[in-house]
Amino acid sequence: METHTDKEVSKEINNKVIEGRSKLKAVKDSVPQGSVYGPYLFIIYTNAKETIVKEMGGKAVIYEDDTNIVVEGDTIEQVMEKAEKKF
């Protein structure tokens, strides 16, 4: 099994994130702060996101409004390939 330092993996991932970064767009629709429906809509969105990531072979680690998507592989190339194909 090939090993990489955290710094190498972080640099590779950061490069991929920068290459694939979306352009900024204005937000047209949202849920007002303090809305009665806000918490319900957040739960629906969060649960759907976790289900979709699991179906694609990844793992979603969700805490409050933070989400990390975990993709595993034996080499950095395998991880990047899986992440690019699925996400």
Foldseek 3Di string as FASTA:
>chain_A
DDDDDPVVLVVVVVVVCVVPPDDDDDDDDDADPPDPCVVVVVVVVVVVVQVLLVVLPWGWDDDDPDIDIGADDPDSVVRVVSVVVRD
